[in-house]
C-alpha cells in the first residue's frame, strides 16, 4: 500500500488529542516508516510574519502571508513548506505523491517573504512520524481513513472544515462512523 500524497483522516474515536479530527498529508511511506504533515491544525499564536521576524528574514511590502500549522509532534522546531509544483525543486525539496512538493529550507521562506514562491503553500512546524509497520497497524485498527488529496482541500483557508470536507469527499457523514473496526 503506497500512501504517498494521500490524506489520512482521523476517525472520531481517535484518543490522542494531538491527532483528534486531524487530516494528514502523507509525504513519505515505505517499509521504513511514514512521515506526514497535519494540514488542518493552525499553530496557536504563530503567524508567518512573526516567524519571518524571528528568523530575521525581511518581508517586502507585497510579501505573502501563508498559514502556519502544527505539522505533528516530531521536531516541532523544524519547518516544512508544503506546496504545489509551480516552485522549482532544489536539493531541499521532496516530491510528495504526484501533486505536491515539500521544501525544508530558508530559500522558500525568503521567496514567500518577497511575494514570490509557490502560488499555494502552507507551513508546518514539526511533522507526524511512524516507525516501520506502525501506520499500517493503525489503519488496520481503524484509527484512520485514507482518501485522495485535492489541492482545494489541502490549501483551503478553512482549517476547521478540512476534516469534514475530507470525509465528505468519500461520501461519509461523520455522524455515521462507528468507532469499532470489523471484518465482513
N, C-alpha and C. Protein backbone atom coordinates (compact mmCIF):
# COMPACT_ATOMS: atom_id res chain seq x y z
N UNK A 1 0.85 -1.18 0.00
CA UNK A 1 0.00 0.00 0.00
C UNK A 1 0.90 1.24 0.00
N UNK A 2 0.81 2.05 -1.04
CA UNK A 2 1.59 3.27 -1.15
C UNK A 2 0.69 4.46 -0.81
N UNK A 3 1.02 5.14 0.27
CA UNK A 3 0.18 6.26 0.73
C UNK A 3 0.76 7.63 0.39
N UNK A 4 1.89 7.68 -0.31
CA UNK A 4 2.49 8.97 -0.65
C UNK A 4 1.47 9.86 -1.36
N UNK A 5 1.30 11.08 -0.84
CA UNK A 5 0.39 12.03 -1.45
C UNK A 5 -1.08 11.82 -1.11
N UNK A 6 -1.38 10.89 -0.24
CA UNK A 6 -2.76 10.64 0.19
C UNK A 6 -3.03 11.34 1.52
N UNK A 7 -4.29 11.47 1.85
CA UNK A 7 -4.69 12.04 3.14
C UNK A 7 -5.07 10.94 4.10
N UNK A 8 -4.63 11.08 5.34
CA UNK A 8 -5.12 10.28 6.46
C UNK A 8 -6.15 11.14 7.17
N UNK A 9 -7.29 10.56 7.45
CA UNK A 9 -8.36 11.28 8.12
C UNK A 9 -8.65 10.54 9.42
N UNK A 10 -8.46 11.23 10.53
CA UNK A 10 -8.66 10.61 11.85
C UNK A 10 -10.11 10.19 12.05
N UNK A 11 -10.29 8.99 12.57
CA UNK A 11 -11.62 8.51 12.92
C UNK A 11 -12.10 9.26 14.17
N UNK A 12 -13.41 9.38 14.36
CA UNK A 12 -13.93 10.12 15.52
C UNK A 12 -13.45 9.58 16.87
N UNK A 13 -13.12 8.31 16.95
CA UNK A 13 -12.70 7.74 18.23
C UNK A 13 -11.20 7.92 18.52
N UNK A 14 -10.51 8.69 17.69
CA UNK A 14 -9.07 8.92 17.91
C UNK A 14 -8.86 9.45 19.33
N UNK A 15 -8.07 8.74 20.11
CA UNK A 15 -7.88 9.09 21.51
C UNK A 15 -6.78 10.13 21.73
N UNK A 16 -5.77 10.13 20.90
CA UNK A 16 -4.64 11.06 21.07
C UNK A 16 -5.10 12.47 20.70
N UNK A 17 -5.13 13.42 21.65
CA UNK A 17 -5.64 14.76 21.37
C UNK A 17 -4.86 15.50 20.29
N UNK A 18 -3.59 15.14 20.10
CA UNK A 18 -2.80 15.79 19.05
C UNK A 18 -3.32 15.44 17.66
N UNK A 19 -4.01 14.32 17.54
CA UNK A 19 -4.48 13.86 16.24
C UNK A 19 -6.00 13.84 16.10
N UNK A 20 -6.72 14.24 17.14
CA UNK A 20 -8.18 14.24 17.08
C UNK A 20 -8.65 15.13 15.93
N UNK A 21 -9.49 14.61 15.07
CA UNK A 21 -10.03 15.28 13.89
C UNK A 21 -8.92 15.84 12.98
N UNK A 22 -7.80 15.16 12.93
CA UNK A 22 -6.69 15.58 12.08
C UNK A 22 -6.86 15.08 10.65
N UNK A 23 -6.31 15.88 9.75
CA UNK A 23 -6.15 15.50 8.36
C UNK A 23 -4.66 15.62 8.08
N UNK A 24 -4.04 14.53 7.67
CA UNK A 24 -2.58 14.49 7.49
C UNK A 24 -2.26 14.12 6.05
N UNK A 25 -1.45 14.94 5.40
CA UNK A 25 -0.96 14.60 4.07
C UNK A 25 0.29 13.74 4.26
N UNK A 26 0.26 12.52 3.73
CA UNK A 26 1.41 11.62 3.84
C UNK A 26 2.45 12.03 2.81
N UNK A 27 3.63 12.38 3.29
CA UNK A 27 4.72 12.84 2.42
C UNK A 27 5.65 11.71 2.02
N UNK A 28 5.79 10.71 2.86
CA UNK A 28 6.65 9.56 2.56
C UNK A 28 6.10 8.34 3.28
N UNK A 29 6.03 7.22 2.57
CA UNK A 29 5.54 5.97 3.16
C UNK A 29 6.30 4.83 2.52
N UNK A 30 6.98 4.04 3.34
CA UNK A 30 7.74 2.90 2.84
C UNK A 30 7.82 1.85 3.95
N UNK A 31 8.54 0.79 3.69
CA UNK A 31 8.73 -0.25 4.70
C UNK A 31 9.48 0.29 5.92
N UNK A 32 10.18 1.41 5.75
CA UNK A 32 10.95 2.01 6.84
C UNK A 32 10.10 2.88 7.76
N UNK A 33 8.87 3.18 7.36
CA UNK A 33 8.00 4.03 8.18
C UNK A 33 7.27 5.04 7.32
N UNK A 34 6.73 6.05 7.98
CA UNK A 34 5.96 7.08 7.27
C UNK A 34 6.17 8.43 7.91
N UNK A 35 5.97 9.46 7.10
CA UNK A 35 6.09 10.85 7.55
C UNK A 35 4.98 11.65 6.89
N UNK A 36 4.32 12.51 7.66
CA UNK A 36 3.26 13.33 7.11
C UNK A 36 3.13 14.64 7.85
N UNK A 37 2.32 15.54 7.29
CA UNK A 37 2.08 16.86 7.88
C UNK A 37 0.58 17.02 8.14
N UNK A 38 0.25 17.42 9.36
CA UNK A 38 -1.13 17.75 9.69
C UNK A 38 -1.44 19.06 8.97
N UNK A 39 -2.51 19.08 8.19
CA UNK A 39 -2.81 20.26 7.37
C UNK A 39 -4.02 21.05 7.87
N UNK A 40 -4.58 20.66 9.00
CA UNK A 40 -5.80 21.36 9.45
C UNK A 40 -5.73 21.85 10.89
N UNK A 41 -4.54 21.94 11.45
CA UNK A 41 -4.42 22.44 12.83
C UNK A 41 -3.49 23.65 12.84
N UNK A 42 -4.07 24.84 12.89
CA UNK A 42 -3.23 26.04 12.93
C UNK A 42 -2.34 26.04 14.16
N UNK A 43 -1.14 26.55 14.00
CA UNK A 43 -0.23 26.68 15.14
C UNK A 43 -0.72 27.83 16.00
N UNK A 44 -1.02 27.56 17.26
CA UNK A 44 -1.56 28.62 18.12
C UNK A 44 -0.54 29.74 18.32
N UNK A 45 -1.04 30.94 18.21
CA UNK A 45 -0.23 32.14 18.48
C UNK A 45 0.98 32.31 17.57
N UNK A 46 0.95 31.72 16.38
CA UNK A 46 2.05 31.89 15.43
C UNK A 46 1.51 32.41 14.11
N UNK A 47 2.22 33.38 13.57
CA UNK A 47 1.88 33.88 12.24
C UNK A 47 3.13 33.78 11.38
N UNK A 48 2.92 33.78 10.08
CA UNK A 48 4.05 33.73 9.17
C UNK A 48 4.92 34.98 9.33
N UNK A 49 4.28 36.13 9.50
CA UNK A 49 5.03 37.38 9.70
C UNK A 49 5.90 37.30 10.95
N UNK A 50 5.34 36.78 12.03
CA UNK A 50 6.10 36.64 13.27
C UNK A 50 7.25 35.67 13.12
N UNK A 51 7.03 34.60 12.38
CA UNK A 51 8.09 33.63 12.15
C UNK A 51 9.22 34.24 11.32
N UNK A 52 8.86 35.01 10.29
CA UNK A 52 9.89 35.69 9.48
C UNK A 52 10.71 36.63 10.35
N UNK A 53 10.04 37.37 11.21
CA UNK A 53 10.74 38.29 12.11
C UNK A 53 11.70 37.53 13.02
N UNK A 54 11.25 36.41 13.56
CA UNK A 54 12.07 35.58 14.44
C UNK A 54 13.30 35.05 13.70
N UNK A 55 13.16 34.75 12.42
CA UNK A 55 14.27 34.22 11.62
C UNK A 55 15.10 35.31 10.95
N UNK A 56 14.77 36.57 11.24
CA UNK A 56 15.46 37.72 10.63
C UNK A 56 15.39 37.69 9.11
N UNK A 57 14.24 37.33 8.59
CA UNK A 57 14.02 37.36 7.14
C UNK A 57 13.16 38.59 6.86
N UNK A 58 13.69 39.54 6.09
CA UNK A 58 12.91 40.75 5.82
C UNK A 58 11.70 40.45 4.94
N UNK A 59 10.61 41.13 5.24
CA UNK A 59 9.38 40.93 4.48
C UNK A 59 9.13 42.15 3.62
N UNK A 60 8.99 41.94 2.31
CA UNK A 60 8.70 43.02 1.37
C UNK A 60 7.26 43.47 1.58
N UNK A 61 6.94 44.70 1.18
CA UNK A 61 5.56 45.18 1.33
C UNK A 61 4.53 44.26 0.67
N UNK A 62 4.91 43.59 -0.42
CA UNK A 62 3.98 42.67 -1.07
C UNK A 62 4.28 41.21 -0.71
N UNK A 63 4.98 41.01 0.42
CA UNK A 63 5.29 39.66 0.88
C UNK A 63 4.02 38.90 1.21
N UNK A 64 4.08 37.60 1.05
CA UNK A 64 2.91 36.75 1.24
C UNK A 64 2.70 36.43 2.72
N UNK A 65 1.46 36.15 3.05
CA UNK A 65 1.10 35.64 4.37
C UNK A 65 0.53 34.25 4.14
N UNK A 66 1.19 33.24 4.66
CA UNK A 66 0.69 31.87 4.48
C UNK A 66 0.31 31.31 5.85
N UNK A 67 -0.46 30.26 5.82
CA UNK A 67 -0.91 29.63 7.06
C UNK A 67 0.22 28.85 7.72
N UNK A 68 0.32 28.97 9.05
CA UNK A 68 1.29 28.21 9.83
C UNK A 68 0.52 27.15 10.61
N UNK A 69 0.94 25.90 10.48
CA UNK A 69 0.24 24.78 11.09
C UNK A 69 1.14 24.01 12.05
N UNK A 70 0.49 23.30 12.97
CA UNK A 70 1.15 22.28 13.79
C UNK A 70 1.20 21.05 12.90
N UNK A 71 2.40 20.70 12.40
CA UNK A 71 2.53 19.58 11.47
C UNK A 71 2.56 18.24 12.14
N UNK A 72 2.85 18.24 13.44
CA UNK A 72 2.92 16.99 14.19
C UNK A 72 3.86 17.13 15.36
N UNK A 73 3.92 16.12 16.20
CA UNK A 73 4.68 16.21 17.45
C UNK A 73 6.18 15.96 17.33
N UNK A 74 6.67 15.58 16.15
CA UNK A 74 8.09 15.28 15.97
C UNK A 74 8.82 16.51 15.45
N UNK A 75 9.94 16.85 16.06
CA UNK A 75 10.78 18.00 15.65
C UNK A 75 9.96 19.27 15.44
N UNK A 76 9.26 19.68 16.47
CA UNK A 76 8.33 20.82 16.38
C UNK A 76 9.00 22.14 16.06
N UNK A 77 10.31 22.23 16.21
CA UNK A 77 11.02 23.46 15.86
C UNK A 77 11.46 23.51 14.41
N UNK A 78 11.18 22.46 13.66
CA UNK A 78 11.59 22.39 12.26
C UNK A 78 10.40 22.70 11.36
N UNK A 79 10.64 23.50 10.32
CA UNK A 79 9.57 23.91 9.43
C UNK A 79 9.62 23.22 8.08
N UNK A 80 8.44 22.96 7.55
CA UNK A 80 8.29 22.33 6.23
C UNK A 80 7.24 23.12 5.47
N UNK A 81 7.56 23.52 4.24
CA UNK A 81 6.58 24.21 3.40
C UNK A 81 6.04 23.20 2.39
N UNK A 82 4.76 22.95 2.47
CA UNK A 82 4.07 22.09 1.53
C UNK A 82 3.54 22.98 0.41
N UNK A 83 3.79 22.61 -0.83
CA UNK A 83 3.37 23.45 -1.95
C UNK A 83 3.12 22.62 -3.20
N UNK A 84 2.58 23.29 -4.20
CA UNK A 84 2.31 22.64 -5.48
C UNK A 84 3.58 22.67 -6.34
N UNK A 85 3.48 22.18 -7.55
CA UNK A 85 4.63 22.03 -8.46
C UNK A 85 5.12 23.33 -9.08
N UNK A 86 4.48 24.45 -8.82
CA UNK A 86 4.85 25.68 -9.51
C UNK A 86 6.09 26.35 -8.93
N UNK A 87 6.77 25.72 -8.04
CA UNK A 87 8.00 26.25 -7.45
C UNK A 87 9.12 25.27 -7.79
N UNK A 88 10.25 25.77 -8.31
CA UNK A 88 11.31 24.85 -8.74
C UNK A 88 11.88 24.03 -7.59
N UNK A 89 12.13 22.78 -7.89
CA UNK A 89 12.67 21.87 -6.88
C UNK A 89 14.17 22.10 -6.72
N UNK A 90 14.60 22.17 -5.49
CA UNK A 90 16.02 22.26 -5.17
C UNK A 90 16.41 21.04 -4.36
N UNK A 91 17.64 21.04 -3.85
CA UNK A 91 18.09 19.88 -3.08
C UNK A 91 17.31 19.66 -1.78
N UNK A 92 16.65 20.70 -1.26
CA UNK A 92 15.88 20.57 -0.02
C UNK A 92 14.40 20.34 -0.29
N UNK A 93 14.06 19.97 -1.54
CA UNK A 93 12.67 19.75 -1.92
C UNK A 93 12.44 18.28 -2.20
N UNK A 94 11.34 17.78 -1.65
CA UNK A 94 10.98 16.37 -1.82
C UNK A 94 9.66 16.28 -2.58
N UNK A 95 9.59 15.38 -3.53
CA UNK A 95 8.34 15.11 -4.25
C UNK A 95 7.40 14.38 -3.30
N UNK A 96 6.14 14.80 -3.26
CA UNK A 96 5.12 14.18 -2.42
C UNK A 96 3.99 13.72 -3.32
N UNK A 97 3.93 12.42 -3.56
CA UNK A 97 2.94 11.89 -4.49
C UNK A 97 3.14 12.52 -5.86
N UNK A 98 2.06 12.62 -6.62
CA UNK A 98 2.15 13.21 -7.96
C UNK A 98 1.91 14.72 -7.96
N UNK A 99 1.28 15.24 -6.92
CA UNK A 99 0.78 16.61 -6.97
C UNK A 99 1.47 17.64 -6.11
N UNK A 100 2.31 17.22 -5.18
CA UNK A 100 2.85 18.16 -4.21
C UNK A 100 4.35 18.04 -4.08
N UNK A 101 4.92 19.06 -3.45
CA UNK A 101 6.32 19.05 -3.06
C UNK A 101 6.40 19.60 -1.64
N UNK A 102 7.47 19.23 -0.96
CA UNK A 102 7.71 19.73 0.38
C UNK A 102 9.14 20.25 0.42
N UNK A 103 9.30 21.48 0.84
CA UNK A 103 10.62 22.10 0.90
C UNK A 103 10.93 22.48 2.34
N UNK A 104 12.13 22.15 2.77
CA UNK A 104 12.55 22.43 4.15
C UNK A 104 13.83 23.26 4.15
N UNK A 105 13.76 24.44 3.52
CA UNK A 105 14.92 25.32 3.51
C UNK A 105 14.45 26.77 3.66
N UNK A 106 15.37 27.63 4.02
CA UNK A 106 15.03 29.05 4.18
C UNK A 106 14.74 29.72 2.84
N UNK A 107 15.25 29.15 1.74
CA UNK A 107 15.06 29.77 0.42
C UNK A 107 13.58 30.01 0.11
N UNK A 108 12.76 29.04 0.40
CA UNK A 108 11.34 29.18 0.08
C UNK A 108 10.67 30.21 0.99
N UNK A 109 11.10 30.28 2.25
CA UNK A 109 10.56 31.31 3.15
C UNK A 109 10.95 32.69 2.67
N UNK A 110 12.19 32.83 2.23
CA UNK A 110 12.65 34.12 1.70
C UNK A 110 11.88 34.51 0.44
N UNK A 111 11.62 33.55 -0.43
CA UNK A 111 10.85 33.82 -1.65
C UNK A 111 9.43 34.27 -1.29
N UNK A 112 8.79 33.59 -0.37
CA UNK A 112 7.44 33.97 0.05
C UNK A 112 7.44 35.36 0.69
N UNK A 113 8.47 35.66 1.46
CA UNK A 113 8.58 36.97 2.10
C UNK A 113 8.73 38.09 1.07
N UNK A 114 9.28 37.77 -0.10
CA UNK A 114 9.41 38.75 -1.19
C UNK A 114 8.15 38.84 -2.04
N UNK A 115 7.17 37.98 -1.77
CA UNK A 115 5.96 37.96 -2.57
C UNK A 115 6.07 37.01 -3.74
N UNK A 116 7.05 36.13 -3.71
CA UNK A 116 7.28 35.18 -4.79
C UNK A 116 6.96 33.77 -4.27
N UNK A 117 7.60 32.78 -4.84
CA UNK A 117 7.40 31.42 -4.38
C UNK A 117 6.17 30.77 -4.97
N UNK A 118 5.78 29.63 -4.43
CA UNK A 118 4.64 28.89 -4.98
C UNK A 118 3.33 29.63 -4.77
N UNK A 119 2.40 29.40 -5.70
CA UNK A 119 1.09 30.05 -5.61
C UNK A 119 0.34 29.58 -4.37
N UNK A 120 0.37 28.27 -4.09
CA UNK A 120 -0.30 27.71 -2.92
C UNK A 120 0.75 27.08 -2.01
N UNK A 121 0.70 27.43 -0.73
CA UNK A 121 1.67 26.88 0.22
C UNK A 121 1.10 26.95 1.62
N UNK A 122 1.55 26.01 2.44
CA UNK A 122 1.29 26.10 3.87
C UNK A 122 2.55 25.67 4.59
N UNK A 123 2.78 26.26 5.73
CA UNK A 123 3.96 25.98 6.53
C UNK A 123 3.55 25.13 7.71
N UNK A 124 4.27 24.04 7.92
CA UNK A 124 4.00 23.16 9.05
C UNK A 124 5.23 23.13 9.94
N UNK A 125 5.03 23.32 11.23
CA UNK A 125 6.11 23.20 12.20
C UNK A 125 5.98 21.82 12.85
N UNK A 126 7.02 21.02 12.69
CA UNK A 126 7.00 19.65 13.16
C UNK A 126 6.35 18.75 12.13
N UNK A 127 6.41 17.47 12.40
CA UNK A 127 5.78 16.51 11.50
C UNK A 127 5.26 15.32 12.29
N UNK A 128 4.48 14.51 11.62
CA UNK A 128 3.93 13.28 12.19
C UNK A 128 4.74 12.12 11.63
N UNK A 129 5.23 11.26 12.49
CA UNK A 129 6.07 10.16 12.03
C UNK A 129 5.64 8.82 12.61
N UNK A 130 5.87 7.77 11.85
CA UNK A 130 5.55 6.41 12.25
C UNK A 130 6.73 5.50 11.95
N UNK A 131 7.00 4.56 12.81
CA UNK A 131 8.05 3.58 12.59
C UNK A 131 7.59 2.52 11.60
N UNK A 132 8.47 1.57 11.27
CA UNK A 132 8.12 0.51 10.32
C UNK A 132 6.85 -0.24 10.74
N UNK A 133 5.87 -0.29 9.84
CA UNK A 133 4.63 -1.02 10.09
C UNK A 133 3.65 -0.34 11.03
N UNK A 134 4.05 0.72 11.71
CA UNK A 134 3.19 1.35 12.70
C UNK A 134 1.93 1.97 12.07
N UNK A 135 2.09 2.72 11.00
CA UNK A 135 0.92 3.34 10.37
C UNK A 135 -0.02 2.28 9.81
N UNK A 136 0.53 1.25 9.18
CA UNK A 136 -0.30 0.18 8.65
C UNK A 136 -1.13 -0.46 9.77
N UNK A 137 -0.52 -0.66 10.93
CA UNK A 137 -1.24 -1.22 12.08
C UNK A 137 -2.35 -0.29 12.55
N UNK A 138 -2.08 1.01 12.56
CA UNK A 138 -3.10 1.98 12.99
C UNK A 138 -4.27 2.00 12.02
N UNK A 139 -3.98 1.86 10.73
CA UNK A 139 -5.06 1.82 9.73
C UNK A 139 -5.90 0.55 9.93
N UNK A 140 -5.25 -0.58 10.14
CA UNK A 140 -5.99 -1.83 10.38
C UNK A 140 -6.79 -1.77 11.67
N UNK A 141 -6.33 -0.99 12.63
CA UNK A 141 -7.03 -0.85 13.92
C UNK A 141 -8.21 0.12 13.80
N UNK A 142 -8.38 0.72 12.62
CA UNK A 142 -9.49 1.63 12.36
C UNK A 142 -9.27 3.02 12.96
N UNK A 143 -8.01 3.44 13.07
CA UNK A 143 -7.71 4.79 13.56
C UNK A 143 -7.83 5.84 12.46
N UNK A 144 -7.60 5.43 11.20
CA UNK A 144 -7.52 6.36 10.08
C UNK A 144 -8.31 5.86 8.89
N UNK A 145 -8.84 6.81 8.13
CA UNK A 145 -9.37 6.55 6.80
C UNK A 145 -8.38 7.16 5.81
N UNK A 146 -8.39 6.69 4.58
CA UNK A 146 -7.47 7.17 3.55
C UNK A 146 -8.28 7.71 2.39
N UNK A 147 -7.88 8.89 1.87
CA UNK A 147 -8.56 9.43 0.69
C UNK A 147 -7.57 10.23 -0.15
N UNK A 148 -8.02 10.61 -1.34
CA UNK A 148 -7.20 11.44 -2.21
C UNK A 148 -7.03 12.82 -1.58
N UNK A 149 -6.05 13.57 -2.09
CA UNK A 149 -5.70 14.87 -1.52
C UNK A 149 -5.83 15.98 -2.56
N UNK A 150 -7.05 16.42 -2.85
CA UNK A 150 -7.21 17.51 -3.83
C UNK A 150 -6.65 18.82 -3.28
N UNK A 151 -6.03 19.60 -4.15
CA UNK A 151 -5.38 20.84 -3.73
C UNK A 151 -6.37 21.81 -3.08
N UNK A 152 -7.62 21.85 -3.56
CA UNK A 152 -8.57 22.78 -2.96
C UNK A 152 -8.89 22.43 -1.51
N UNK A 153 -8.71 21.19 -1.12
CA UNK A 153 -8.89 20.79 0.27
C UNK A 153 -7.58 21.02 1.05
N UNK A 154 -6.47 20.62 0.50
CA UNK A 154 -5.18 20.74 1.19
C UNK A 154 -4.87 22.20 1.52
N UNK A 155 -5.08 23.11 0.56
CA UNK A 155 -4.71 24.51 0.77
C UNK A 155 -5.89 25.40 1.16
N UNK A 156 -7.03 24.82 1.47
CA UNK A 156 -8.19 25.61 1.88
C UNK A 156 -7.86 26.44 3.11
N UNK A 157 -8.40 27.65 3.15
CA UNK A 157 -8.17 28.53 4.29
C UNK A 157 -8.97 28.11 5.52
N UNK A 158 -10.04 27.36 5.32
CA UNK A 158 -10.91 26.93 6.42
C UNK A 158 -10.37 25.64 7.05
N UNK A 159 -9.41 25.79 7.97
CA UNK A 159 -8.82 24.62 8.62
C UNK A 159 -9.86 23.78 9.35
N UNK A 160 -10.81 24.43 9.99
CA UNK A 160 -11.82 23.71 10.77
C UNK A 160 -12.70 22.82 9.88
N UNK A 161 -12.87 23.20 8.62
CA UNK A 161 -13.73 22.45 7.72
C UNK A 161 -13.04 21.32 6.97
N UNK A 162 -11.71 21.22 7.07
CA UNK A 162 -10.97 20.22 6.28
C UNK A 162 -11.32 18.79 6.68
N UNK A 163 -11.51 18.52 7.96
CA UNK A 163 -11.82 17.17 8.41
C UNK A 163 -13.15 16.71 7.81
N UNK A 164 -14.18 17.54 7.95
CA UNK A 164 -15.50 17.20 7.39
C UNK A 164 -15.43 17.13 5.87
N UNK A 165 -14.68 18.03 5.24
CA UNK A 165 -14.56 18.02 3.77
C UNK A 165 -13.88 16.74 3.29
N UNK A 166 -12.85 16.29 4.00
CA UNK A 166 -12.16 15.06 3.62
C UNK A 166 -13.11 13.87 3.73
N UNK A 167 -13.87 13.81 4.83
CA UNK A 167 -14.85 12.74 4.98
C UNK A 167 -15.91 12.84 3.88
N UNK A 168 -16.38 14.05 3.62
CA UNK A 168 -17.38 14.26 2.58
C UNK A 168 -16.90 13.84 1.20
N UNK A 169 -15.60 14.00 0.94
CA UNK A 169 -15.06 13.60 -0.36
C UNK A 169 -15.17 12.08 -0.57
N UNK A 170 -15.34 11.35 0.55
CA UNK A 170 -15.51 9.90 0.48
C UNK A 170 -16.99 9.51 0.61
N UNK A 171 -17.87 10.52 0.69
CA UNK A 171 -19.28 10.25 0.84
C UNK A 171 -19.66 9.85 2.26
N UNK A 172 -18.87 10.27 3.24
CA UNK A 172 -19.09 9.85 4.63
C UNK A 172 -19.58 11.03 5.47
N UNK A 173 -20.63 10.80 6.22
CA UNK A 173 -21.10 11.74 7.23
C UNK A 173 -20.45 11.33 8.54
N UNK A 174 -19.73 12.23 9.25
CA UNK A 174 -19.06 11.84 10.48
C UNK A 174 -19.99 11.24 11.54
N UNK A 175 -21.24 11.58 11.50
CA UNK A 175 -22.20 11.05 12.49
C UNK A 175 -22.48 9.57 12.26
N UNK A 176 -22.17 9.06 11.07
CA UNK A 176 -22.46 7.66 10.77
C UNK A 176 -21.26 6.75 11.00
N UNK A 177 -20.12 7.30 11.39
CA UNK A 177 -18.93 6.49 11.59
C UNK A 177 -18.97 5.74 12.92
N UNK A 178 -18.59 4.50 12.88
CA UNK A 178 -18.51 3.68 14.09
C UNK A 178 -17.07 3.69 14.60
N UNK A 179 -16.88 3.77 15.90
CA UNK A 179 -15.53 3.76 16.46
C UNK A 179 -14.88 2.39 16.50
N UNK A 180 -15.60 1.34 16.14
CA UNK A 180 -15.04 -0.01 16.20
C UNK A 180 -14.78 -0.55 14.81
N UNK A 181 -13.71 -1.32 14.71
CA UNK A 181 -13.36 -1.96 13.44
C UNK A 181 -14.09 -3.29 13.33
N UNK A 182 -14.22 -3.75 12.13
CA UNK A 182 -14.86 -5.04 11.93
C UNK A 182 -14.41 -5.67 10.64
N UNK A 183 -14.74 -6.91 10.46
CA UNK A 183 -14.40 -7.64 9.23
C UNK A 183 -15.68 -8.29 8.72
N UNK A 184 -15.87 -8.23 7.44
CA UNK A 184 -17.06 -8.86 6.85
C UNK A 184 -16.67 -10.16 6.18
